[in-house]
C-alpha atoms as a PDB file:
ATOM      1  CA  MET A   1      68.998   8.315   8.245  1.00  0.00           C
ATOM      2  CA  TRP A   2      67.702   4.750   7.971  1.00  0.00           C
ATOM      3  CA  TYR A   3      69.942   3.847   5.029  1.00  0.00           C
ATOM      4  CA  LYS A   4      73.316   4.639   3.514  1.00  0.00           C
ATOM      5  CA  ILE A   5      74.369   3.895  -0.056  1.00  0.00           C
ATOM      6  CA  ASP A   6      78.035   3.002  -0.456  1.00  0.00           C
ATOM      7  CA  GLY A   7      78.762   2.227  -4.106  1.00  0.00           C
ATOM      8  CA  ASN A   8      76.926  -0.972  -4.979  1.00  0.00           C
ATOM      9  CA  VAL A   9      76.100  -1.777  -1.340  1.00  0.00           C
ATOM     10  CA  VAL A  10      73.259  -0.399   0.760  1.00  0.00           C
ATOM     11  CA  HIS A  11      73.387  -0.214   4.563  1.00  0.00           C
ATOM     12  CA  LEU A  12      69.965  -0.515   6.198  1.00  0.00           C
ATOM     13  CA  PHE A  13      69.334   0.366   9.823  1.00  0.00           C
ATOM     14  CA  ILE A  14      66.402  -1.763  10.900  1.00  0.00           C
ATOM     15  CA  LYS A  15      64.217  -1.839  13.999  1.00  0.00           C
ATOM     16  CA  ALA A  16      62.920  -5.398  14.123  1.00  0.00           C
ATOM     17  CA  GLN A  17      59.608  -6.203  15.761  1.00  0.00           C
ATOM     18  CA  PRO A  18      59.404  -9.970  16.367  1.00  0.00           C
ATOM     19  CA  ASN A  19      56.209 -11.952  17.086  1.00  0.00           C
ATOM     20  CA  ALA A  20      54.148  -9.896  14.625  1.00  0.00           C
ATOM     21  CA  SER A  21      51.029 -11.265  12.915  1.00  0.00           C
ATOM     22  CA  LYS A  22      52.775 -11.108   9.530  1.00  0.00           C
ATOM     23  CA  ASN A  23      56.047 -10.038   7.934  1.00  0.00           C
ATOM     24  CA  LYS A  24      55.795  -6.465   6.688  1.00  0.00           C
ATOM     25  CA  ILE A  25      57.600  -3.168   6.400  1.00  0.00           C
ATOM     26  CA  ALA A  26      55.895  -0.953   8.956  1.00  0.00           C
ATOM     27  CA  GLY A  27      57.516   2.352   7.924  1.00  0.00           C
ATOM     28  CA  ILE A  28      60.209   4.713   9.141  1.00  0.00           C
ATOM     29  CA  LEU A  29      60.683   5.078  12.882  1.00  0.00           C
ATOM     30  CA  GLY A  30      63.212   7.804  13.679  1.00  0.00           C
ATOM     31  CA  ASP A  31      66.466   6.741  12.028  1.00  0.00           C
ATOM     32  CA  SER A  32      65.388   3.123  11.452  1.00  0.00           C
ATOM     33  CA  LEU A  33      63.255   1.169   9.028  1.00  0.00           C
ATOM     34  CA  LYS A  34      60.695  -0.688  11.145  1.00  0.00           C
ATOM     35  CA  ILE A  35      60.035  -4.241   9.995  1.00  0.00           C
ATOM     36  CA  ALA A  36      57.532  -6.575  11.636  1.00  0.00           C
ATOM     37  CA  ILE A  37      58.606 -10.229  11.655  1.00  0.00           C
ATOM     38  CA  LYS A  38      56.378 -13.238  12.415  1.00  0.00           C
ATOM     39  CA  ALA A  39      59.091 -15.307  14.074  1.00  0.00           C
ATOM     40  CA  PRO A  40      59.889 -14.989  17.785  1.00  0.00           C
ATOM     41  CA  ALA A  41      63.217 -13.548  18.922  1.00  0.00           C
ATOM     42  CA  VAL A  42      64.634 -16.896  20.072  1.00  0.00           C
ATOM     43  CA  GLU A  43      67.663 -18.775  18.782  1.00  0.00           C
ATOM     44  CA  GLY A  44      68.040 -16.479  15.770  1.00  0.00           C
ATOM     45  CA  ALA A  45      64.596 -17.330  14.356  1.00  0.00           C
ATOM     46  CA  ALA A  46      63.608 -13.687  13.856  1.00  0.00           C
ATOM     47  CA  ASN A  47      66.931 -12.913  12.146  1.00  0.00           C
ATOM     48  CA  LYS A  48      66.497 -15.863   9.765  1.00  0.00           C
ATOM     49  CA  GLU A  49      62.956 -14.740   8.966  1.00  0.00           C
ATOM     50  CA  LEU A  50      64.153 -11.145   8.480  1.00  0.00           C
ATOM     51  CA  VAL A  51      66.836 -12.262   6.000  1.00  0.00           C
ATOM     52  CA  LYS A  52      64.268 -14.392   4.128  1.00  0.00           C
ATOM     53  CA  PHE A  53      61.819 -11.468   4.003  1.00  0.00           C
ATOM     54  CA  LEU A  54      64.455  -8.979   2.784  1.00  0.00           C
ATOM     55  CA  SER A  55      65.690 -11.492   0.209  1.00  0.00           C
ATOM     56  CA  LYS A  56      62.178 -11.951  -1.226  1.00  0.00           C
ATOM     57  CA  THR A  57      61.257  -8.265  -1.038  1.00  0.00           C
ATOM     58  CA  PHE A  58      64.383  -6.953  -2.769  1.00  0.00           C
ATOM     59  CA  LYS A  59      65.274  -9.953  -4.982  1.00  0.00           C
ATOM     60  CA  VAL A  60      68.664 -10.409  -3.296  1.00  0.00           C
ATOM     61  CA  ALA A  61      70.321 -13.720  -2.442  1.00  0.00           C
ATOM     62  CA  LYS A  62      70.017 -14.585   1.245  1.00  0.00           C
ATOM     63  CA  SER A  63      73.785 -15.130   1.334  1.00  0.00           C
ATOM     64  CA  ASP A  64      74.307 -11.491   0.225  1.00  0.00           C
ATOM     65  CA  ILE A  65      72.451 -10.106   3.259  1.00  0.00           C
ATOM     66  CA  VAL A  66      74.947  -9.533   6.069  1.00  0.00           C
ATOM     67  CA  PHE A  67      74.498  -8.372   9.656  1.00  0.00           C
ATOM     68  CA  ALA A  68      77.105  -5.649  10.194  1.00  0.00           C
ATOM     69  CA  SER A  69      75.902  -5.285  13.795  1.00  0.00           C
ATOM     70  CA  GLY A  70      72.915  -5.792  16.056  1.00  0.00           C
ATOM     71  CA  GLU A  71      72.322  -9.508  15.549  1.00  0.00           C
ATOM     72  CA  THR A  72      71.166  -9.803  19.161  1.00  0.00           C
ATOM     73  CA  SER A  73      69.448  -6.425  19.503  1.00  0.00           C
ATOM     74  CA  LYS A  74      66.253  -5.009  18.045  1.00  0.00           C
ATOM     75  CA  ARG A  75      68.196  -2.365  16.087  1.00  0.00           C
ATOM     76  CA  LYS A  76      70.146  -4.014  13.311  1.00  0.00           C
ATOM     77  CA  HIS A  77      72.624  -2.779  10.738  1.00  0.00           C
ATOM     78  CA  ILE A  78      72.368  -4.874   7.587  1.00  0.00           C
ATOM     79  CA  THR A  79      74.310  -4.623   4.343  1.00  0.00           C
ATOM     80  CA  MET A  80      73.166  -5.999   1.010  1.00  0.00           C
ATOM     81  CA  PRO A  81      73.610  -5.325  -2.721  1.00  0.00           C
ATOM     82  CA  TYR A  82      72.113  -2.071  -3.970  1.00  0.00           C
ATOM     83  CA  ASN A  83      69.845  -2.941  -6.897  1.00  0.00           C
ATOM     84  CA  GLU A  84      66.903  -1.376  -8.758  1.00  0.00           C
ATOM     85  CA  LYS A  85      64.350  -2.849  -6.318  1.00  0.00           C
ATOM     86  CA  VAL A  86      66.189  -1.314  -3.355  1.00  0.00           C
ATOM     87  CA  ALA A  87      66.602   2.025  -5.161  1.00  0.00           C
ATOM     88  CA  ALA A  88      62.867   2.158  -5.992  1.00  0.00           C
ATOM     89  CA  PHE A  89      61.935   1.266  -2.402  1.00  0.00           C
ATOM     90  CA  ILE A  90      64.202   3.962  -0.911  1.00  0.00           C
ATOM     91  CA  LYS A  91      62.788   6.559  -3.316  1.00  0.00           C
ATOM     92  CA  GLU A  92      59.216   5.540  -2.424  1.00  0.00           C
ATOM     93  CA  MET A  93      59.910   5.698   1.330  1.00  0.00           C
ATOM     94  CA  ASP A  94      61.679   9.048   1.065  1.00  0.00           C
ATOM     95  CA  GLU A  95      58.792  10.560  -0.870  1.00  0.00           C
ATOM     96  CA  GLY A  96      56.543   9.313   1.892  1.00  0.00           C
END
């Protein structure tokens, strides 16, 4: 499963694809949410861009998006507040 809801927090398991032409959610890939990120994977640039993208997409403060693991790998485990935007997105992705 690419997400886990734990009370008012959602855990997202993300497969990051750096150096993409634009930031976008590319769909579900196995047990991960694939997200294309414009920034290269150097000096944390892709992670910063990923946090900015998630913050904008789900209307969550950047400071509320936390890397639980995978900061230096392509597969990341991120936690952030579970809100209506996130709930609607998960429902939409699950319905395919």
